[in-house]
Amino acid sequence: MIRDLGNGFELDDDPARIDVASVHRFLTEQAYWAIGRPYELQERLIREATRVVGVYRDGSQIGFARAVSDHNSFVYLADVYVDPAFRGHGLGIELVREMVENGPLSNRRWLLHTSDAHDLYRKFGFAEPDFKLMERPVQPPPGGNAGSGS
């Protein structure tokens, strides 16, 4: 699926089109949740994702999101970003809309972790967790540091 957003911007959910090097560079240099993530891990996260959506401007990757699901009851949204040089055009809204509302997993329960952009996600029905939600944070292996896997 390619969706034209006008002004040279488009969305595409073709995994083969994802520029892994570009996504890795952005996430490991600018995204608080993925600083230092190894390239091999990022490549695997993209390859094994249930769905990926890229944002492109004149063919260059400028945004990304991935989802992981059990295909039955839940979907986890991760690694959502739009390059800061292209923010303010509604691209983040369209990226999340495409992933959450327009895709094959739209009728599932969606989860995500974020320290910012709460207003963006609220537009799509995400809310603060309630009394039912429990979380086990990343646990470092004995004698080592934990890697990032968001």
Protein backbone atom coordinates (compact mmCIF):
# COMPACT_ATOMS: atom_id res chain seq x y z
CA MET A 1 0.00 0.00 0.00
CA ILE A 2 1.34 3.41 -0.92
CA ARG A 3 -0.63 6.42 0.29
CA ASP A 4 0.13 9.82 -1.21
CA LEU A 5 0.04 12.59 1.39
CA GLY A 6 0.81 15.40 -1.05
CA ASN A 7 3.82 17.72 -1.28
CA GLY A 8 6.14 14.80 -2.06
CA PHE A 9 5.22 12.90 1.14
CA GLU A 10 3.93 9.33 1.12
CA LEU A 11 3.33 6.39 3.42
CA ASP A 12 4.21 2.84 2.49
CA ASP A 13 3.94 -0.43 4.41
CA ASP A 14 6.27 -2.40 2.16
CA PRO A 15 8.96 -3.88 4.46
CA ALA A 16 11.39 -4.16 1.54
CA ARG A 17 11.33 -0.38 1.14
CA ILE A 18 12.45 0.38 4.72
CA ASP A 19 15.90 1.98 4.77
CA VAL A 20 17.24 0.07 7.77
CA ALA A 21 20.40 2.20 7.95
CA SER A 22 18.37 5.41 8.02
CA VAL A 23 15.98 4.09 10.69
CA HIS A 24 18.88 2.80 12.77
CA ARG A 25 20.76 6.09 12.48
CA PHE A 26 17.77 8.14 13.62
CA LEU A 27 16.77 5.84 16.46
CA THR A 28 20.26 5.35 17.88
CA GLU A 29 21.22 9.02 17.61
CA GLN A 30 17.97 10.86 18.38
CA ALA A 31 15.39 8.57 20.00
CA TYR A 32 15.70 8.40 23.80
CA TRP A 33 14.41 4.83 23.88
CA ALA A 34 16.90 3.38 21.39
CA ILE A 35 20.19 5.19 21.96
CA GLY A 36 22.98 2.70 21.37
CA ARG A 37 20.76 -0.05 19.94
CA PRO A 38 22.96 -2.34 17.82
CA TYR A 39 22.38 -2.30 14.05
CA GLU A 40 21.83 -6.07 13.97
CA LEU A 41 19.09 -5.77 16.58
CA GLN A 42 17.37 -2.94 14.69
CA GLU A 43 17.49 -4.92 11.48
CA ARG A 44 15.95 -7.94 13.23
CA LEU A 45 13.23 -5.82 14.88
CA ILE A 46 12.22 -4.53 11.46
CA ARG A 47 12.44 -7.93 9.78
CA GLU A 48 10.39 -9.67 12.49
CA ALA A 49 7.79 -6.91 12.93
CA THR A 50 4.20 -7.77 12.20
CA ARG A 51 3.88 -4.54 10.22
CA VAL A 52 6.11 -1.59 9.40
CA VAL A 53 5.12 1.74 7.88
CA GLY A 54 7.57 4.23 6.47
CA VAL A 55 7.14 7.92 5.70
CA TYR A 56 9.00 9.10 2.62
CA ARG A 57 9.74 12.45 1.01
CA ASP A 58 10.76 12.26 -2.63
CA GLY A 59 11.84 8.66 -2.05
CA SER A 60 13.93 9.23 1.11
CA GLN A 61 12.91 7.72 4.44
CA ILE A 62 11.93 10.45 6.95
CA GLY A 63 9.69 8.54 9.35
CA PHE A 64 8.92 5.08 10.62
CA ALA A 65 6.75 2.94 12.88
CA ARG A 66 6.65 -0.77 13.60
CA ALA A 67 4.10 -3.03 15.24
CA VAL A 68 4.43 -6.42 16.87
CA SER A 69 1.40 -8.62 17.49
CA ASP A 70 0.25 -12.05 18.55
CA HIS A 71 -2.28 -11.67 15.66
CA ASN A 72 -5.17 -12.32 18.02
CA SER A 73 -5.54 -9.97 20.94
CA PHE A 74 -2.92 -7.22 21.08
CA VAL A 75 -0.52 -5.10 19.07
CA TYR A 76 2.48 -3.22 20.43
CA LEU A 77 3.38 0.04 18.66
CA ALA A 78 7.08 0.93 18.72
CA ASP A 79 9.85 3.07 17.22
CA VAL A 80 7.52 5.78 15.95
CA TYR A 81 9.30 8.86 14.64
CA VAL A 82 9.28 11.63 12.06
CA ASP A 83 12.56 13.38 11.32
CA PRO A 84 12.49 16.78 13.11
CA ALA A 85 13.17 18.58 9.82
CA PHE A 86 9.77 17.39 8.57
CA ARG A 87 7.63 17.79 11.66
CA GLY A 88 4.69 20.18 11.64
CA HIS A 89 3.13 18.74 8.48
CA GLY A 90 0.81 16.26 10.21
CA LEU A 91 3.02 13.34 9.21
CA GLY A 92 3.11 11.82 12.70
CA ILE A 93 -0.68 11.84 12.79
CA GLU A 94 -0.90 10.15 9.39
CA LEU A 95 1.78 7.62 10.32
CA VAL A 96 -0.02 6.58 13.50
CA ARG A 97 -3.41 6.65 11.73
CA GLU A 98 -2.11 4.36 9.01
CA MET A 99 -0.61 1.95 11.50
CA VAL A 100 -3.43 1.87 14.06
CA GLU A 101 -6.64 2.61 12.15
CA ASN A 102 -6.05 1.64 8.53
CA GLY A 103 -4.05 -1.55 8.81
CA PRO A 104 -5.00 -5.19 9.17
CA LEU A 105 -4.65 -4.97 12.96
CA SER A 106 -7.03 -2.07 13.50
CA ASN A 107 -9.51 -4.14 15.51
CA ARG A 108 -6.98 -5.25 18.15
CA ARG A 109 -5.97 -3.80 21.53
CA TRP A 110 -2.99 -1.48 20.99
CA LEU A 111 -0.25 -0.84 23.54
CA LEU A 112 2.74 1.49 23.57
CA HIS A 113 5.30 3.06 25.86
CA THR A 114 6.14 6.74 25.52
CA SER A 115 7.59 9.57 27.54
CA ASP A 116 6.34 12.21 25.12
CA ALA A 117 3.78 12.72 22.32
CA HIS A 118 0.90 11.73 24.60
CA ASP A 119 -1.40 14.19 22.83
CA LEU A 120 -0.70 12.52 19.48
CA TYR A 121 -1.56 9.06 20.77
CA ARG A 122 -4.69 10.24 22.61
CA LYS A 123 -6.12 11.24 19.20
CA PHE A 124 -6.23 7.52 18.41
CA GLY A 125 -7.78 6.35 21.68
CA PHE A 126 -4.65 5.61 23.66
CA ALA A 127 -5.09 6.45 27.34
CA GLU A 128 -3.18 6.16 30.58
CA PRO A 129 -3.04 2.62 31.92
CA ASP A 130 -5.64 1.56 34.42
CA PHE A 131 -5.59 -0.65 37.48
CA LYS A 132 -5.42 -3.82 35.34
CA LEU A 133 -2.12 -3.08 33.65
CA MET A 134 1.08 -4.41 35.15
CA GLU A 135 4.52 -4.13 33.63
CA ARG A 136 7.81 -5.86 34.24
CA PRO A 137 10.61 -3.49 33.23
CA VAL A 138 13.68 -4.68 31.37
CA GLN A 139 15.84 -6.74 33.68
CA PRO A 140 19.60 -6.63 33.20
CA PRO A 141 21.20 -10.02 32.78
CA PRO A 142 23.30 -11.17 35.73
CA GLY A 143 26.54 -9.19 35.62
CA GLY A 144 25.59 -7.23 32.48
CA ASN A 145 23.62 -4.36 31.04
CA ALA A 146 20.17 -4.69 29.50
CA GLY A 147 19.74 -3.89 25.84
CA SER A 148 16.93 -1.80 24.44
CA GLY A 149 14.06 -3.63 22.79
CA SER A 150 11.22 -1.10 22.61
